[in-house]
Amino acid sequence: METYEKYIMSIYFTITTMTTVGYGDMSPGTTVEMVYGIFIMILGVVVFNFISGALASIISESDSV
């Protein structure tokens, strides 16, 4: 296994743990799939935070009326 593959595996494991996606039945088999999974998980966190912030803002504005 190449050194860069080890780094990608460790980054994938870390991001999978941080995003609490889990280690289910489906898992990447190649380095390209791991990199794709990393980007998808990060995108999911960003979208979730955006939606949560927007919802909190809406609730905050409606509460002050």
PDB file of N, CA and C in Angstrom:
ATOM      1  N   MET A   1       0.853  -1.183   0.000  1.00  0.00           N
ATOM      2  CA  MET A   1       0.000   0.000   0.000  1.00  0.00           C
ATOM      3  C   MET A   1       0.893   1.239   0.000  1.00  0.00           C
ATOM      4  N   GLU A   2       0.560   2.163  -0.868  1.00  0.00           N
ATOM      5  CA  GLU A   2       1.331   3.401  -0.986  1.00  0.00           C
ATOM      6  C   GLU A   2       1.077   4.315   0.215  1.00  0.00           C
ATOM      7  N   THR A   3       2.003   5.219   0.461  1.00  0.00           N
ATOM      8  CA  THR A   3       1.894   6.142   1.586  1.00  0.00           C
ATOM      9  C   THR A   3       0.673   7.041   1.445  1.00  0.00           C
ATOM     10  N   TYR A   4       0.412   7.559   0.243  1.00  0.00           N
ATOM     11  CA  TYR A   4      -0.733   8.455   0.069  1.00  0.00           C
ATOM     12  C   TYR A   4      -2.045   7.715   0.314  1.00  0.00           C
ATOM     13  N   GLU A   5      -2.099   6.422   0.022  1.00  0.00           N
ATOM     14  CA  GLU A   5      -3.304   5.646   0.298  1.00  0.00           C
ATOM     15  C   GLU A   5      -3.543   5.509   1.799  1.00  0.00           C
ATOM     16  N   LYS A   6      -2.477   5.388   2.554  1.00  0.00           N
ATOM     17  CA  LYS A   6      -2.610   5.319   4.012  1.00  0.00           C
ATOM     18  C   LYS A   6      -3.146   6.631   4.573  1.00  0.00           C
ATOM     19  N   TYR A   7      -2.650   7.752   4.037  1.00  0.00           N
ATOM     20  CA  TYR A   7      -3.146   9.056   4.476  1.00  0.00           C
ATOM     21  C   TYR A   7      -4.619   9.222   4.129  1.00  0.00           C
ATOM     22  N   ILE A   8      -5.005   8.825   2.949  1.00  0.00           N
ATOM     23  CA  ILE A   8      -6.402   8.943   2.548  1.00  0.00           C
ATOM     24  C   ILE A   8      -7.285   8.050   3.412  1.00  0.00           C
ATOM     25  N   MET A   9      -6.816   6.852   3.715  1.00  0.00           N
ATOM     26  CA  MET A   9      -7.591   5.967   4.592  1.00  0.00           C
ATOM     27  C   MET A   9      -7.758   6.576   5.976  1.00  0.00           C
ATOM     28  N   SER A  10      -6.719   7.182   6.499  1.00  0.00           N
ATOM     29  CA  SER A  10      -6.819   7.774   7.835  1.00  0.00           C
ATOM     30  C   SER A  10      -7.739   8.994   7.829  1.00  0.00           C
ATOM     31  N   ILE A  11      -7.673   9.805   6.782  1.00  0.00           N
ATOM     32  CA  ILE A  11      -8.569  10.956   6.674  1.00  0.00           C
ATOM     33  C   ILE A  11     -10.010  10.476   6.531  1.00  0.00           C
ATOM     34  N   TYR A  12     -10.229   9.449   5.715  1.00  0.00           N
ATOM     35  CA  TYR A  12     -11.575   8.905   5.533  1.00  0.00           C
ATOM     36  C   TYR A  12     -12.122   8.404   6.870  1.00  0.00           C
ATOM     37  N   PHE A  13     -11.318   7.659   7.615  1.00  0.00           N
ATOM     38  CA  PHE A  13     -11.759   7.137   8.908  1.00  0.00           C
ATOM     39  C   PHE A  13     -12.104   8.279   9.861  1.00  0.00           C
ATOM     40  N   THR A  14     -11.260   9.304   9.904  1.00  0.00           N
ATOM     41  CA  THR A  14     -11.483  10.437  10.799  1.00  0.00           C
ATOM     42  C   THR A  14     -12.767  11.173  10.451  1.00  0.00           C
ATOM     43  N   ILE A  15     -12.972  11.459   9.169  1.00  0.00           N
ATOM     44  CA  ILE A  15     -14.173  12.198   8.768  1.00  0.00           C
ATOM     45  C   ILE A  15     -15.419  11.351   8.959  1.00  0.00           C
ATOM     46  N   THR A  16     -15.327  10.055   8.708  1.00  0.00           N
ATOM     47  CA  THR A  16     -16.464   9.169   8.948  1.00  0.00           C
ATOM     48  C   THR A  16     -16.845   9.183  10.425  1.00  0.00           C
ATOM     49  N   THR A  17     -15.865   9.185  11.293  1.00  0.00           N
ATOM     50  CA  THR A  17     -16.129   9.231  12.725  1.00  0.00           C
ATOM     51  C   THR A  17     -16.691  10.587  13.146  1.00  0.00           C
ATOM     52  N   MET A  18     -16.098  11.671  12.666  1.00  0.00           N
ATOM     53  CA  MET A  18     -16.550  13.009  13.056  1.00  0.00           C
ATOM     54  C   MET A  18     -17.957  13.317  12.569  1.00  0.00           C
ATOM     55  N   THR A  19     -18.316  12.851  11.388  1.00  0.00           N
ATOM     56  CA  THR A  19     -19.649  13.137  10.856  1.00  0.00           C
ATOM     57  C   THR A  19     -20.680  12.131  11.331  1.00  0.00           C
ATOM     58  N   THR A  20     -20.275  11.164  12.096  1.00  0.00           N
ATOM     59  CA  THR A  20     -21.117  10.095  12.634  1.00  0.00           C
ATOM     60  C   THR A  20     -21.924   9.409  11.545  1.00  0.00           C
ATOM     61  N   VAL A  21     -21.343   9.286  10.365  1.00  0.00           N
ATOM     62  CA  VAL A  21     -21.998   8.565   9.279  1.00  0.00           C
ATOM     63  C   VAL A  21     -22.031   7.082   9.601  1.00  0.00           C
ATOM     64  N   GLY A  22     -21.019   6.604  10.252  1.00  0.00           N
ATOM     65  CA  GLY A  22     -20.975   5.210  10.663  1.00  0.00           C
ATOM     66  C   GLY A  22     -20.162   4.351   9.714  1.00  0.00           C
ATOM     67  N   TYR A  23     -20.118   3.097  10.027  1.00  0.00           N
ATOM     68  CA  TYR A  23     -19.329   2.146   9.257  1.00  0.00           C
ATOM     69  C   TYR A  23     -20.249   1.022   8.799  1.00  0.00           C
ATOM     70  N   GLY A  24     -21.262   1.370   8.032  1.00  0.00           N
ATOM     71  CA  GLY A  24     -22.315   0.429   7.661  1.00  0.00           C
ATOM     72  C   GLY A  24     -21.890  -0.623   6.668  1.00  0.00           C
ATOM     73  N   ASP A  25     -22.879  -1.204   6.032  1.00  0.00           N
ATOM     74  CA  ASP A  25     -22.655  -2.290   5.085  1.00  0.00           C
ATOM     75  C   ASP A  25     -21.894  -1.837   3.853  1.00  0.00           C
ATOM     76  N   MET A  26     -22.078  -0.602   3.465  1.00  0.00           N
ATOM     77  CA  MET A  26     -21.401  -0.084   2.276  1.00  0.00           C
ATOM     78  C   MET A  26     -20.142   0.665   2.697  1.00  0.00           C
ATOM     79  N   SER A  27     -19.044   0.332   2.094  1.00  0.00           N
ATOM     80  CA  SER A  27     -17.806   1.033   2.384  1.00  0.00           C
ATOM     81  C   SER A  27     -16.992   1.114   1.097  1.00  0.00           C
ATOM     82  N   PRO A  28     -16.155   2.147   0.987  1.00  0.00           N
ATOM     83  CA  PRO A  28     -15.387   2.322  -0.241  1.00  0.00           C
ATOM     84  C   PRO A  28     -14.347   1.213  -0.407  1.00  0.00           C
ATOM     85  N   GLY A  29     -14.103   0.856  -1.644  1.00  0.00           N
ATOM     86  CA  GLY A  29     -13.132  -0.183  -1.912  1.00  0.00           C
ATOM     87  C   GLY A  29     -11.849   0.339  -2.508  1.00  0.00           C
ATOM     88  N   THR A  30     -11.910   1.509  -3.121  1.00  0.00           N
ATOM     89  CA  THR A  30     -10.722   2.073  -3.752  1.00  0.00           C
ATOM     90  C   THR A  30     -10.431   3.442  -3.155  1.00  0.00           C
ATOM     91  N   THR A  31      -9.258   3.945  -3.456  1.00  0.00           N
ATOM     92  CA  THR A  31      -8.864   5.267  -2.973  1.00  0.00           C
ATOM     93  C   THR A  31      -9.762   6.350  -3.543  1.00  0.00           C
ATOM     94  N   VAL A  32     -10.131   6.228  -4.801  1.00  0.00           N
ATOM     95  CA  VAL A  32     -11.009   7.223  -5.430  1.00  0.00           C
ATOM     96  C   VAL A  32     -12.358   7.259  -4.716  1.00  0.00           C
ATOM     97  N   GLU A  33     -12.892   6.107  -4.371  1.00  0.00           N
ATOM     98  CA  GLU A  33     -14.163   6.059  -3.655  1.00  0.00           C
ATOM     99  C   GLU A  33     -14.044   6.688  -2.271  1.00  0.00           C
ATOM    100  N   MET A  34     -12.900   6.514  -1.622  1.00  0.00           N
ATOM    101  CA  MET A  34     -12.690   7.136  -0.309  1.00  0.00           C
ATOM    102  C   MET A  34     -12.662   8.650  -0.425  1.00  0.00           C
ATOM    103  N   VAL A  35     -11.952   9.159  -1.422  1.00  0.00           N
ATOM    104  CA  VAL A  35     -11.879  10.612  -1.618  1.00  0.00           C
ATOM    105  C   VAL A  35     -13.265  11.164  -1.913  1.00  0.00           C
ATOM    106  N   TYR A  36     -14.035  10.471  -2.749  1.00  0.00           N
ATOM    107  CA  TYR A  36     -15.399  10.890  -3.054  1.00  0.00           C
ATOM    108  C   TYR A  36     -16.238  10.902  -1.777  1.00  0.00           C
ATOM    109  N   GLY A  37     -16.110   9.865  -0.968  1.00  0.00           N
ATOM    110  CA  GLY A  37     -16.847   9.803   0.289  1.00  0.00           C
ATOM    111  C   GLY A  37     -16.489  10.937   1.232  1.00  0.00           C
ATOM    112  N   ILE A  38     -15.205  11.291   1.276  1.00  0.00           N
ATOM    113  CA  ILE A  38     -14.762  12.402   2.122  1.00  0.00           C
ATOM    114  C   ILE A  38     -15.465  13.689   1.703  1.00  0.00           C
ATOM    115  N   PHE A  39     -15.461  13.971   0.404  1.00  0.00           N
ATOM    116  CA  PHE A  39     -16.095  15.197  -0.068  1.00  0.00           C
ATOM    117  C   PHE A  39     -17.599  15.188   0.168  1.00  0.00           C
ATOM    118  N   ILE A  40     -18.250  14.064  -0.022  1.00  0.00           N
ATOM    119  CA  ILE A  40     -19.693  13.978   0.199  1.00  0.00           C
ATOM    120  C   ILE A  40     -20.028  14.179   1.675  1.00  0.00           C
ATOM    121  N   MET A  41     -19.234  13.592   2.574  1.00  0.00           N
ATOM    122  CA  MET A  41     -19.498  13.758   4.003  1.00  0.00           C
ATOM    123  C   MET A  41     -19.306  15.209   4.429  1.00  0.00           C
ATOM    124  N   ILE A  42     -18.241  15.850   3.926  1.00  0.00           N
ATOM    125  CA  ILE A  42     -18.011  17.258   4.269  1.00  0.00           C
ATOM    126  C   ILE A  42     -19.139  18.120   3.715  1.00  0.00           C
ATOM    127  N   LEU A  43     -19.564  17.851   2.484  1.00  0.00           N
ATOM    128  CA  LEU A  43     -20.679  18.593   1.897  1.00  0.00           C
ATOM    129  C   LEU A  43     -21.948  18.399   2.721  1.00  0.00           C
ATOM    130  N   GLY A  44     -22.188  17.193   3.197  1.00  0.00           N
ATOM    131  CA  GLY A  44     -23.357  16.932   4.035  1.00  0.00           C
ATOM    132  C   GLY A  44     -23.337  17.733   5.322  1.00  0.00           C
ATOM    133  N   VAL A  45     -22.181  17.841   5.946  1.00  0.00           N
ATOM    134  CA  VAL A  45     -22.057  18.627   7.176  1.00  0.00           C
ATOM    135  C   VAL A  45     -22.319  20.103   6.892  1.00  0.00           C
ATOM    136  N   VAL A  46     -21.772  20.612   5.798  1.00  0.00           N
ATOM    137  CA  VAL A  46     -21.964  22.021   5.442  1.00  0.00           C
ATOM    138  C   VAL A  46     -23.440  22.306   5.185  1.00  0.00           C
ATOM    139  N   VAL A  47     -24.098  21.458   4.418  1.00  0.00           N
ATOM    140  CA  VAL A  47     -25.519  21.656   4.117  1.00  0.00           C
ATOM    141  C   VAL A  47     -26.359  21.565   5.390  1.00  0.00           C
ATOM    142  N   PHE A  48     -26.062  20.590   6.236  1.00  0.00           N
ATOM    143  CA  PHE A  48     -26.798  20.451   7.492  1.00  0.00           C
ATOM    144  C   PHE A  48     -26.644  21.700   8.362  1.00  0.00           C
ATOM    145  N   ASN A  49     -25.424  22.223   8.458  1.00  0.00           N
ATOM    146  CA  ASN A  49     -25.202  23.433   9.256  1.00  0.00           C
ATOM    147  C   ASN A  49     -25.908  24.635   8.666  1.00  0.00           C
ATOM    148  N   PHE A  50     -25.923  24.745   7.352  1.00  0.00           N
ATOM    149  CA  PHE A  50     -26.622  25.853   6.705  1.00  0.00           C
ATOM    150  C   PHE A  50     -28.114  25.790   7.003  1.00  0.00           C
ATOM    151  N   ILE A  51     -28.705  24.612   6.861  1.00  0.00           N
ATOM    152  CA  ILE A  51     -30.139  24.464   7.113  1.00  0.00           C
ATOM    153  C   ILE A  51     -30.460  24.706   8.590  1.00  0.00           C
ATOM    154  N   SER A  52     -29.628  24.199   9.477  1.00  0.00           N
ATOM    155  CA  SER A  52     -29.842  24.413  10.909  1.00  0.00           C
ATOM    156  C   SER A  52     -29.764  25.887  11.266  1.00  0.00           C
ATOM    157  N   GLY A  53     -28.794  26.591  10.705  1.00  0.00           N
ATOM    158  CA  GLY A  53     -28.658  28.024  10.958  1.00  0.00           C
ATOM    159  C   GLY A  53     -29.838  28.811  10.415  1.00  0.00           C
ATOM    160  N   ALA A  54     -30.297  28.452   9.222  1.00  0.00           N
ATOM    161  CA  ALA A  54     -31.447  29.143   8.642  1.00  0.00           C
ATOM    162  C   ALA A  54     -32.697  28.910   9.473  1.00  0.00           C
ATOM    163  N   LEU A  55     -32.891  27.688   9.922  1.00  0.00           N
ATOM    164  CA  LEU A  55     -34.046  27.377  10.755  1.00  0.00           C
ATOM    165  C   LEU A  55     -33.973  28.107  12.091  1.00  0.00           C
ATOM    166  N   ALA A  56     -32.815  28.160  12.695  1.00  0.00           N
ATOM    167  CA  ALA A  56     -32.646  28.886  13.957  1.00  0.00           C
ATOM    168  C   ALA A  56     -32.924  30.366  13.768  1.00  0.00           C
ATOM    169  N   SER A  57     -32.508  30.917  12.637  1.00  0.00           N
ATOM    170  CA  SER A  57     -32.761  32.327  12.348  1.00  0.00           C
ATOM    171  C   SER A  57     -34.256  32.595  12.184  1.00  0.00           C
ATOM    172  N   ILE A  58     -34.932  31.712  11.493  1.00  0.00           N
ATOM    173  CA  ILE A  58     -36.380  31.871  11.299  1.00  0.00           C
ATOM    174  C   ILE A  58     -37.111  31.813  12.638  1.00  0.00           C
ATOM    175  N   ILE A  59     -36.741  30.858  13.468  1.00  0.00           N
ATOM    176  CA  ILE A  59     -37.385  30.725  14.778  1.00  0.00           C
ATOM    177  C   ILE A  59     -37.065  31.931  15.653  1.00  0.00           C
ATOM    178  N   SER A  60     -35.836  32.401  15.598  1.00  0.00           N
ATOM    179  CA  SER A  60     -35.438  33.566  16.384  1.00  0.00           C
ATOM    180  C   SER A  60     -36.214  34.812  15.975  1.00  0.00           C
ATOM    181  N   GLU A  61     -36.388  35.018  14.686  1.00  0.00           N
ATOM    182  CA  GLU A  61     -37.116  36.195  14.205  1.00  0.00           C
ATOM    183  C   GLU A  61     -38.604  36.104  14.556  1.00  0.00           C
ATOM    184  N   SER A  62     -39.178  34.912  14.471  1.00  0.00           N
ATOM    185  CA  SER A  62     -40.601  34.782  14.781  1.00  0.00           C
ATOM    186  C   SER A  62     -40.859  34.894  16.285  1.00  0.00           C
ATOM    187  N   ASP A  63     -39.860  34.574  17.078  1.00  0.00           N
ATOM    188  CA  ASP A  63     -40.009  34.647  18.533  1.00  0.00           C
ATOM    189  C   ASP A  63     -39.983  36.088  19.034  1.00  0.00           C
ATOM    190  N   SER A  64     -39.293  36.962  18.335  1.00  0.00           N
ATOM    191  CA  SER A  64     -39.151  38.353  18.778  1.00  0.00           C
ATOM    192  C   SER A  64     -40.337  39.219  18.384  1.00  0.00           C
ATOM    193  N   VAL A  65     -41.255  38.704  17.597  1.00  0.00           N
ATOM    194  CA  VAL A  65     -42.401  39.502  17.134  1.00  0.00           C
ATOM    195  C   VAL A  65     -43.455  39.589  18.166  1.00  0.00           C
TER     196      VAL A  65
END
